[in-house]
C-alpha atoms as a PDB file:
ATOM      1  CA  MET A   1      11.190 -29.268  16.376  1.00  0.00           C
ATOM      2  CA  THR A   2      11.107 -28.257  12.550  1.00  0.00           C
ATOM      3  CA  THR A   3      11.094 -30.840   9.202  1.00  0.00           C
ATOM      4  CA  THR A   4      12.617 -29.151   5.779  1.00  0.00           C
ATOM      5  CA  THR A   5      12.252 -30.944   3.011  1.00  0.00           C
ATOM      6  CA  THR A   6      13.266 -29.864  -0.958  1.00  0.00           C
ATOM      7  CA  VAL A   7       9.561 -30.245  -2.799  1.00  0.00           C
ATOM      8  CA  HIS A   8       8.892 -29.338  -6.260  1.00  0.00           C
ATOM      9  CA  VAL A   9       5.864 -26.386  -7.072  1.00  0.00           C
ATOM     10  CA  PRO A  10       3.934 -26.160 -10.829  1.00  0.00           C
ATOM     11  CA  THR A  11       3.837 -23.988 -12.667  1.00  0.00           C
ATOM     12  CA  ALA A  12       2.339 -22.896 -15.781  1.00  0.00           C
ATOM     13  CA  ASP A  13       5.992 -22.769 -17.304  1.00  0.00           C
ATOM     14  CA  GLY A  14       7.751 -25.538 -15.637  1.00  0.00           C
ATOM     15  CA  THR A  15       8.459 -26.658 -11.966  1.00  0.00           C
ATOM     16  CA  ALA A  16      10.242 -24.540  -9.022  1.00  0.00           C
ATOM     17  CA  GLU A  17      12.167 -26.309  -6.527  1.00  0.00           C
ATOM     18  CA  ALA A  18      11.718 -24.954  -3.385  1.00  0.00           C
ATOM     19  CA  TYR A  19      12.481 -25.694   0.633  1.00  0.00           C
ATOM     20  CA  LEU A  20       9.477 -26.696   2.278  1.00  0.00           C
ATOM     21  CA  VAL A  21       9.871 -25.909   5.896  1.00  0.00           C
ATOM     22  CA  LYS A  22       7.286 -27.586   8.596  1.00  0.00           C
ATOM     23  CA  PRO A  23       6.999 -27.464  12.715  1.00  0.00           C
ATOM     24  CA  ASP A  24       6.324 -31.351  13.961  1.00  0.00           C
ATOM     25  CA  GLY A  25       3.056 -31.953  14.040  1.00  0.00           C
ATOM     26  CA  ASP A  26      -0.637 -32.017  12.537  1.00  0.00           C
ATOM     27  CA  GLY A  27      -1.067 -28.826  12.483  1.00  0.00           C
ATOM     28  CA  PRO A  28      -2.786 -26.640  11.078  1.00  0.00           C
ATOM     29  CA  PHE A  29       0.094 -23.535  10.878  1.00  0.00           C
ATOM     30  CA  PRO A  30      -0.456 -20.544   9.219  1.00  0.00           C
ATOM     31  CA  GLY A  31       1.887 -20.180   6.122  1.00  0.00           C
ATOM     32  CA  VAL A  32       5.084 -18.334   5.409  1.00  0.00           C
ATOM     33  CA  LEU A  33       5.576 -17.056   1.266  1.00  0.00           C
ATOM     34  CA  MET A  34       9.166 -16.574   1.539  1.00  0.00           C
ATOM     35  CA  PHE A  35      11.153 -15.467  -1.775  1.00  0.00           C
ATOM     36  CA  MET A  36      14.498 -15.371  -1.882  1.00  0.00           C
ATOM     37  CA  ASP A  37      17.659 -13.101  -2.204  1.00  0.00           C
ATOM     38  CA  ALA A  38      19.528 -13.019  -5.672  1.00  0.00           C
ATOM     39  CA  PHE A  39      22.057 -16.084  -4.613  1.00  0.00           C
ATOM     40  CA  GLY A  40      19.122 -18.195  -4.712  1.00  0.00           C
ATOM     41  CA  LEU A  41      18.356 -21.400  -2.483  1.00  0.00           C
ATOM     42  CA  ARG A  42      21.096 -22.267  -0.115  1.00  0.00           C
ATOM     43  CA  LEU A  43      21.554 -23.230   3.434  1.00  0.00           C
ATOM     44  CA  ARG A  44      21.148 -19.344   4.903  1.00  0.00           C
ATOM     45  CA  LEU A  45      17.271 -19.168   3.655  1.00  0.00           C
ATOM     46  CA  ALA A  46      16.714 -23.049   4.627  1.00  0.00           C
ATOM     47  CA  GLU A  47      18.087 -21.586   8.550  1.00  0.00           C
ATOM     48  CA  MET A  48      15.858 -18.317   7.986  1.00  0.00           C
ATOM     49  CA  ALA A  49      12.850 -20.254   7.381  1.00  0.00           C
ATOM     50  CA  GLU A  50      13.667 -22.695  10.113  1.00  0.00           C
ATOM     51  CA  ARG A  51      13.600 -20.290  12.122  1.00  0.00           C
ATOM     52  CA  ILE A  52       9.891 -19.007  11.456  1.00  0.00           C
ATOM     53  CA  ALA A  53       8.764 -22.227  11.506  1.00  0.00           C
ATOM     54  CA  ASP A  54      10.159 -22.730  15.351  1.00  0.00           C
ATOM     55  CA  ARG A  55       7.215 -20.709  16.409  1.00  0.00           C
ATOM     56  CA  GLY A  56       4.645 -22.357  14.169  1.00  0.00           C
ATOM     57  CA  TYR A  57       4.659 -21.393  10.794  1.00  0.00           C
ATOM     58  CA  ALA A  58       4.506 -23.047   7.710  1.00  0.00           C
ATOM     59  CA  VAL A  59       7.349 -22.047   5.280  1.00  0.00           C
ATOM     60  CA  LEU A  60       7.519 -21.783   1.835  1.00  0.00           C
ATOM     61  CA  VAL A  61      10.935 -20.840  -0.260  1.00  0.00           C
ATOM     62  CA  PRO A  62      10.567 -21.150  -3.866  1.00  0.00           C
ATOM     63  CA  ASN A  63      14.114 -20.691  -6.705  1.00  0.00           C
ATOM     64  CA  LEU A  64      11.942 -17.490  -7.975  1.00  0.00           C
ATOM     65  CA  PHE A  65      14.602 -18.754 -11.302  1.00  0.00           C
ATOM     66  CA  TYR A  66      13.833 -21.750 -11.963  1.00  0.00           C
ATOM     67  CA  ARG A  67      12.660 -21.076 -15.990  1.00  0.00           C
ATOM     68  CA  SER A  68      17.305 -20.143 -15.276  1.00  0.00           C
ATOM     69  CA  ALA A  69      18.422 -22.899 -13.331  1.00  0.00           C
ATOM     70  CA  SER A  70      18.274 -25.324 -10.784  1.00  0.00           C
ATOM     71  CA  GLY A  71      20.572 -25.963  -7.347  1.00  0.00           C
ATOM     72  CA  PRO A  72      23.295 -23.920  -6.409  1.00  0.00           C
ATOM     73  CA  LEU A  73      23.579 -20.818  -7.838  1.00  0.00           C
ATOM     74  CA  VAL A  74      26.835 -19.199  -6.466  1.00  0.00           C
ATOM     75  CA  THR A  75      30.172 -20.382  -4.955  1.00  0.00           C
ATOM     76  CA  ALA A  76      30.656 -19.556  -1.184  1.00  0.00           C
ATOM     77  CA  ASP A  77      33.763 -17.651  -1.957  1.00  0.00           C
ATOM     78  CA  GLU A  78      31.196 -15.258  -4.597  1.00  0.00           C
ATOM     79  CA  LEU A  79      28.974 -14.834  -1.232  1.00  0.00           C
ATOM     80  CA  THR A  80      32.037 -13.758   0.816  1.00  0.00           C
ATOM     81  CA  ASP A  81      34.586 -12.468  -1.700  1.00  0.00           C
ATOM     82  CA  PRO A  82      32.821  -8.430  -3.181  1.00  0.00           C
ATOM     83  CA  GLU A  83      35.172  -8.883  -5.806  1.00  0.00           C
ATOM     84  CA  LYS A  84      33.859 -12.126  -6.943  1.00  0.00           C
ATOM     85  CA  ARG A  85      30.603 -10.718  -6.813  1.00  0.00           C
ATOM     86  CA  GLY A  86      30.865  -8.793  -9.997  1.00  0.00           C
ATOM     87  CA  ALA A  87      30.905 -12.944 -11.647  1.00  0.00           C
ATOM     88  CA  ALA A  88      28.503 -13.873  -9.804  1.00  0.00           C
ATOM     89  CA  PHE A  89      25.332 -10.750 -10.656  1.00  0.00           C
ATOM     90  CA  GLY A  90      26.811 -11.482 -14.795  1.00  0.00           C
ATOM     91  CA  ARG A  91      25.329 -14.853 -14.235  1.00  0.00           C
ATOM     92  CA  LEU A  92      22.173 -13.883 -11.499  1.00  0.00           C
ATOM     93  CA  GLY A  93      21.273 -10.515 -13.707  1.00  0.00           C
ATOM     94  CA  PRO A  94      19.683 -11.898 -16.353  1.00  0.00           C
ATOM     95  CA  MET A  95      17.512 -14.378 -14.453  1.00  0.00           C
ATOM     96  CA  MET A  96      16.540 -11.434 -12.602  1.00  0.00           C
ATOM     97  CA  HIS A  97      15.688  -9.789 -16.004  1.00  0.00           C
ATOM     98  CA  VAL A  98      13.035 -13.069 -16.587  1.00  0.00           C
ATOM     99  CA  LEU A  99      11.071 -12.297 -13.199  1.00  0.00           C
ATOM    100  CA  THR A 100       8.673  -9.734 -14.998  1.00  0.00           C
ATOM    101  CA  PRO A 101       5.536  -8.352 -12.927  1.00  0.00           C
ATOM    102  CA  GLU A 102       3.463 -10.665 -14.625  1.00  0.00           C
ATOM    103  CA  ARG A 103       5.723 -13.919 -14.378  1.00  0.00           C
ATOM    104  CA  ILE A 104       5.800 -13.012 -10.309  1.00  0.00           C
ATOM    105  CA  ALA A 105       2.246 -12.413 -10.235  1.00  0.00           C
ATOM    106  CA  ALA A 106       1.286 -16.031 -12.589  1.00  0.00           C
ATOM    107  CA  ASP A 107       3.859 -17.608 -10.368  1.00  0.00           C
ATOM    108  CA  SER A 108       3.030 -16.111  -7.081  1.00  0.00           C
ATOM    109  CA  GLY A 109      -1.227 -17.837  -7.813  1.00  0.00           C
ATOM    110  CA  TYR A 110       1.199 -21.173  -7.956  1.00  0.00           C
ATOM    111  CA  TYR A 111       3.788 -21.600  -4.854  1.00  0.00           C
ATOM    112  CA  LEU A 112       0.479 -20.012  -3.015  1.00  0.00           C
ATOM    113  CA  ASP A 113      -1.625 -22.961  -4.264  1.00  0.00           C
ATOM    114  CA  PHE A 114       0.709 -25.511  -3.320  1.00  0.00           C
ATOM    115  CA  LEU A 115       1.255 -24.163   0.561  1.00  0.00           C
ATOM    116  CA  ALA A 116      -2.215 -24.394   0.526  1.00  0.00           C
ATOM    117  CA  ALA A 117      -2.075 -27.971  -0.486  1.00  0.00           C
ATOM    118  CA  GLN A 118       0.041 -29.844   1.925  1.00  0.00           C
ATOM    119  CA  PRO A 119      -0.694 -31.677   5.003  1.00  0.00           C
ATOM    120  CA  GLY A 120      -1.607 -29.546   7.713  1.00  0.00           C
ATOM    121  CA  VAL A 121      -1.243 -26.240   6.391  1.00  0.00           C
ATOM    122  CA  ALA A 122      -3.665 -23.792   7.924  1.00  0.00           C
ATOM    123  CA  ALA A 123      -6.382 -22.264   5.488  1.00  0.00           C
ATOM    124  CA  GLY A 124      -6.755 -18.930   4.833  1.00  0.00           C
ATOM    125  CA  PRO A 125      -4.299 -15.663   3.561  1.00  0.00           C
ATOM    126  CA  VAL A 126      -0.510 -15.971   4.000  1.00  0.00           C
ATOM    127  CA  VAL A 127       2.327 -13.822   4.962  1.00  0.00           C
ATOM    128  CA  ALA A 128       4.589 -12.835   2.659  1.00  0.00           C
ATOM    129  CA  VAL A 129       8.155 -12.223   3.437  1.00  0.00           C
ATOM    130  CA  GLY A 130      11.318 -10.841   1.256  1.00  0.00           C
ATOM    131  CA  TYR A 131      14.745 -10.027   0.959  1.00  0.00           C
ATOM    132  CA  CYS A 132      16.379  -7.847  -1.556  1.00  0.00           C
ATOM    133  CA  MET A 133      15.148  -9.034  -5.163  1.00  0.00           C
ATOM    134  CA  GLY A 134      12.461 -10.884  -2.834  1.00  0.00           C
ATOM    135  CA  GLY A 135      11.265  -7.778  -1.407  1.00  0.00           C
ATOM    136  CA  ARG A 136      10.333  -6.523  -4.326  1.00  0.00           C
ATOM    137  CA  ASN A 137       9.001  -9.127  -6.400  1.00  0.00           C
ATOM    138  CA  ALA A 138       6.870 -10.019  -3.000  1.00  0.00           C
ATOM    139  CA  LEU A 139       5.399  -6.373  -3.083  1.00  0.00           C
ATOM    140  CA  ARG A 140       4.009  -7.252  -5.871  1.00  0.00           C
ATOM    141  CA  ALA A 141       3.029 -10.583  -5.302  1.00  0.00           C
ATOM    142  CA  ILE A 142       0.622  -8.881  -2.644  1.00  0.00           C
ATOM    143  CA  GLU A 143      -0.394  -6.523  -4.825  1.00  0.00           C
ATOM    144  CA  ALA A 144      -1.706  -9.385  -7.423  1.00  0.00           C
ATOM    145  CA  HIS A 145      -3.229 -11.003  -4.434  1.00  0.00           C
ATOM    146  CA  PRO A 146      -4.047  -8.843  -1.763  1.00  0.00           C
ATOM    147  CA  ASP A 147      -6.906 -11.507  -1.086  1.00  0.00           C
ATOM    148  CA  ARG A 148      -4.406 -14.127  -0.581  1.00  0.00           C
ATOM    149  CA  ILE A 149      -1.315 -12.443   1.298  1.00  0.00           C
ATOM    150  CA  LYS A 150      -2.336 -10.636   4.551  1.00  0.00           C
ATOM    151  CA  ALA A 151       1.103  -8.778   5.095  1.00  0.00           C
ATOM    152  CA  LEU A 152       3.931  -8.132   3.614  1.00  0.00           C
ATOM    153  CA  ALA A 153       7.496  -8.096   5.016  1.00  0.00           C
ATOM    154  CA  SER A 154      10.258  -6.953   3.468  1.00  0.00           C
ATOM    155  CA  PHE A 155      14.128  -6.591   4.566  1.00  0.00           C
ATOM    156  CA  HIS A 156      16.115  -5.077   2.041  1.00  0.00           C
ATOM    157  CA  ALA A 157      14.593  -5.055  -0.732  1.00  0.00           C
ATOM    158  CA  GLY A 158      16.274  -3.354  -4.303  1.00  0.00           C
ATOM    159  CA  GLY A 159      15.292  -1.847  -7.467  1.00  0.00           C
ATOM    160  CA  VAL A 160      11.131  -1.093  -5.630  1.00  0.00           C
ATOM    161  CA  VAL A 161      10.947   2.431  -7.137  1.00  0.00           C
ATOM    162  CA  THR A 162      11.906   2.964 -10.699  1.00  0.00           C
ATOM    163  CA  ASP A 163      11.402   5.414 -13.738  1.00  0.00           C
ATOM    164  CA  ASP A 164       9.536   2.497 -15.705  1.00  0.00           C
ATOM    165  CA  PRO A 165       6.191   2.271 -15.907  1.00  0.00           C
ATOM    166  CA  ASP A 166       5.870  -1.231 -14.530  1.00  0.00           C
ATOM    167  CA  SER A 167       7.157  -0.444 -10.921  1.00  0.00           C
ATOM    168  CA  ALA A 168       6.614  -1.808  -8.563  1.00  0.00           C
ATOM    169  CA  HIS A 169       5.763   1.055  -5.757  1.00  0.00           C
ATOM    170  CA  LEU A 170       3.146   2.452  -8.198  1.00  0.00           C
ATOM    171  CA  ALA A 171       0.461  -0.714  -7.826  1.00  0.00           C
ATOM    172  CA  VAL A 172       0.700  -0.962  -3.827  1.00  0.00           C
ATOM    173  CA  GLY A 173      -3.068   0.820  -4.246  1.00  0.00           C
ATOM    174  CA  ASN A 174      -3.581  -2.600  -4.314  1.00  0.00           C
ATOM    175  CA  VAL A 175      -2.969  -3.522  -0.986  1.00  0.00           C
ATOM    176  CA  THR A 176      -5.157  -3.889   1.718  1.00  0.00           C
ATOM    177  CA  GLY A 177      -3.104  -5.626   4.226  1.00  0.00           C
ATOM    178  CA  GLU A 178       0.137  -4.347   5.912  1.00  0.00           C
ATOM    179  CA  LEU A 179       3.217  -3.458   4.322  1.00  0.00           C
ATOM    180  CA  TYR A 180       7.064  -3.459   6.824  1.00  0.00           C
ATOM    181  CA  PHE A 181       9.951  -1.941   4.815  1.00  0.00           C
ATOM    182  CA  ALA A 182      13.117  -1.912   6.518  1.00  0.00           C
ATOM    183  CA  HIS A 183      15.189  -0.456   4.017  1.00  0.00           C
ATOM    184  CA  ALA A 184      19.096  -0.383   4.534  1.00  0.00           C
ATOM    185  CA  ASP A 185      21.019   2.569   5.482  1.00  0.00           C
ATOM    186  CA  HIS A 186      23.972   1.953   2.579  1.00  0.00           C
ATOM    187  CA  ASP A 187      21.877   0.884  -0.505  1.00  0.00           C
ATOM    188  CA  ARG A 188      22.979   1.789  -3.869  1.00  0.00           C
ATOM    189  CA  SER A 189      19.427  -0.176  -5.017  1.00  0.00           C
ATOM    190  CA  ASN A 190      17.747   2.451  -2.457  1.00  0.00           C
ATOM    191  CA  THR A 191      18.430   5.105  -2.845  1.00  0.00           C
ATOM    192  CA  PRO A 192      16.923   7.954   0.106  1.00  0.00           C
ATOM    193  CA  GLU A 193      14.868   9.436  -2.827  1.00  0.00           C
ATOM    194  CA  GLN A 194      13.313   6.001  -3.346  1.00  0.00           C
ATOM    195  CA  ILE A 195      12.815   5.266  -0.232  1.00  0.00           C
ATOM    196  CA  LYS A 196      10.876   8.559  -0.168  1.00  0.00           C
ATOM    197  CA  ALA A 197       8.712   7.982  -3.356  1.00  0.00           C
ATOM    198  CA  LEU A 198       7.942   4.792  -1.908  1.00  0.00           C
ATOM    199  CA  GLU A 199       6.684   7.150   0.954  1.00  0.00           C
ATOM    200  CA  ALA A 200       4.596   9.190  -1.051  1.00  0.00           C
ATOM    201  CA  ALA A 201       2.926   6.702  -2.957  1.00  0.00           C
ATOM    202  CA  LEU A 202       2.016   4.282   0.070  1.00  0.00           C
ATOM    203  CA  ASP A 203       0.673   7.830   1.765  1.00  0.00           C
ATOM    204  CA  GLU A 204      -1.366   8.600  -1.690  1.00  0.00           C
ATOM    205  CA  ALA A 205      -2.588   5.009  -1.455  1.00  0.00           C
ATOM    206  CA  GLY A 206      -4.224   5.256   1.999  1.00  0.00           C
ATOM    207  CA  ALA A 207      -1.692   2.081   2.797  1.00  0.00           C
ATOM    208  CA  ASN A 208      -0.740  -0.147   6.782  1.00  0.00           C
ATOM    209  CA  TYR A 209       2.613   0.357   6.052  1.00  0.00           C
ATOM    210  CA  THR A 210       5.947   1.069   8.080  1.00  0.00           C
ATOM    211  CA  SER A 211       8.355   1.433   6.450  1.00  0.00           C
ATOM    212  CA  GLU A 212      12.015   2.352   8.126  1.00  0.00           C
ATOM    213  CA  VAL A 213      15.946   2.934   7.540  1.00  0.00           C
ATOM    214  CA  TYR A 214      18.280   0.727   9.851  1.00  0.00           C
ATOM    215  CA  GLU A 215      21.411   2.761  10.059  1.00  0.00           C
ATOM    216  CA  ASP A 216      24.891   1.252   9.895  1.00  0.00           C
ATOM    217  CA  ALA A 217      22.952  -1.324   7.520  1.00  0.00           C
ATOM    218  CA  PRO A 218      24.314  -2.714   3.907  1.00  0.00           C
ATOM    219  CA  HIS A 219      22.611  -4.065   1.560  1.00  0.00           C
ATOM    220  CA  GLY A 220      21.714  -8.041   2.110  1.00  0.00           C
ATOM    221  CA  PHE A 221      22.372  -7.339   6.019  1.00  0.00           C
ATOM    222  CA  THR A 222      20.232  -9.993   7.521  1.00  0.00           C
ATOM    223  CA  MET A 223      22.991 -12.645   4.785  1.00  0.00           C
ATOM    224  CA  SER A 224      25.078 -14.168   7.570  1.00  0.00           C
ATOM    225  CA  ASP A 225      26.799 -16.085   4.734  1.00  0.00           C
ATOM    226  CA  THR A 226      27.090 -12.508   2.391  1.00  0.00           C
ATOM    227  CA  SER A 227      30.263 -10.011   3.566  1.00  0.00           C
ATOM    228  CA  SER A 228      27.334  -8.008   3.739  1.00  0.00           C
ATOM    229  CA  TYR A 229      25.519  -8.849   6.977  1.00  0.00           C
ATOM    230  CA  ASN A 230      25.244  -6.860   9.856  1.00  0.00           C
ATOM    231  CA  ALA A 231      24.327  -8.954  13.036  1.00  0.00           C
ATOM    232  CA  GLU A 232      22.732  -6.079  14.366  1.00  0.00           C
ATOM    233  CA  ALA A 233      20.553  -4.900  11.814  1.00  0.00           C
ATOM    234  CA  GLU A 234      19.905  -9.064  11.520  1.00  0.00           C
ATOM    235  CA  GLN A 235      18.461  -9.605  14.795  1.00  0.00           C
ATOM    236  CA  ARG A 236      16.210  -6.000  14.647  1.00  0.00           C
ATOM    237  CA  HIS A 237      14.630  -7.799  11.079  1.00  0.00           C
ATOM    238  CA  TRP A 238      13.708 -10.626  13.275  1.00  0.00           C
ATOM    239  CA  VAL A 239      12.121  -8.854  16.169  1.00  0.00           C
ATOM    240  CA  ASN A 240       9.863  -6.836  13.086  1.00  0.00           C
ATOM    241  CA  LEU A 241       9.304  -9.833  10.898  1.00  0.00           C
ATOM    242  CA  PHE A 242       7.920 -11.838  13.968  1.00  0.00           C
ATOM    243  CA  ALA A 243       5.988  -9.059  14.462  1.00  0.00           C
ATOM    244  CA  VAL A 244       4.124  -8.484  11.226  1.00  0.00           C
ATOM    245  CA  LEU A 245       3.952 -12.072  11.633  1.00  0.00           C
ATOM    246  CA  ASP A 246       1.846 -12.100  15.149  1.00  0.00           C
ATOM    247  CA  ARG A 247       0.009  -9.148  14.521  1.00  0.00           C
ATOM    248  CA  ASN A 248      -1.294 -10.634  10.791  1.00  0.00           C
ATOM    249  CA  LEU A 249      -1.846 -14.458  11.776  1.00  0.00           C
ATOM    250  CA  PRO A 250      -0.613 -14.867  15.463  1.00  0.00           C
ATOM    251  CA  VAL A 251      -0.040 -18.970  16.946  1.00  0.00           C
ATOM    252  CA  SER A 252      -2.584 -20.119  18.742  1.00  0.00           C
END
């Protein structure tokens, strides 16, 4: 059994609401920092965090958009109706642009501090998990805090490779832990050319990584509350996520 609460994480720029999910009992429970997709905190992310917590982990899922908005960010029909999704991204796009590498690095430090201070949470590094834009931001977090984040599991991330001088893939040399990337087969935000560029950067850095493409899986394949959901790819994601956790933060 697990317990899910809504908490508020203080940062230099305000307060980020978040889900904190812990197994019942005293712990200590290893920590997992989950980076949300662009649709924000909602039942689906709570369910996913609870499934991780069921295995013995304390999971924090912060609202990365706290500077811009709180509470529900999208409606149910915007998640399931591709035509209405454009309207949602019209609102969410500017919130994404607020998340500069510097802000993600700073915010991640506050999230890590908050999680570490919770009763029953084990001391030591955590594992980061990221979905969609959360995969990119989780990569930035482990690049900024390699001593505090032991591994990253990234699923259907977008925008990891860009032409910008601060593109996330250019700092992978900072990472000392394991990196796992699951790419969507049909993803305009992460093309085969971009995947090759990421892998080249990882090879050059001598990173400990796995990078694999989930065939016939669209961007957002883990999110069962959206029209992008792919059940087979979602199940594959759980197998690989739990393997990353077992290798890096085994639960006794």
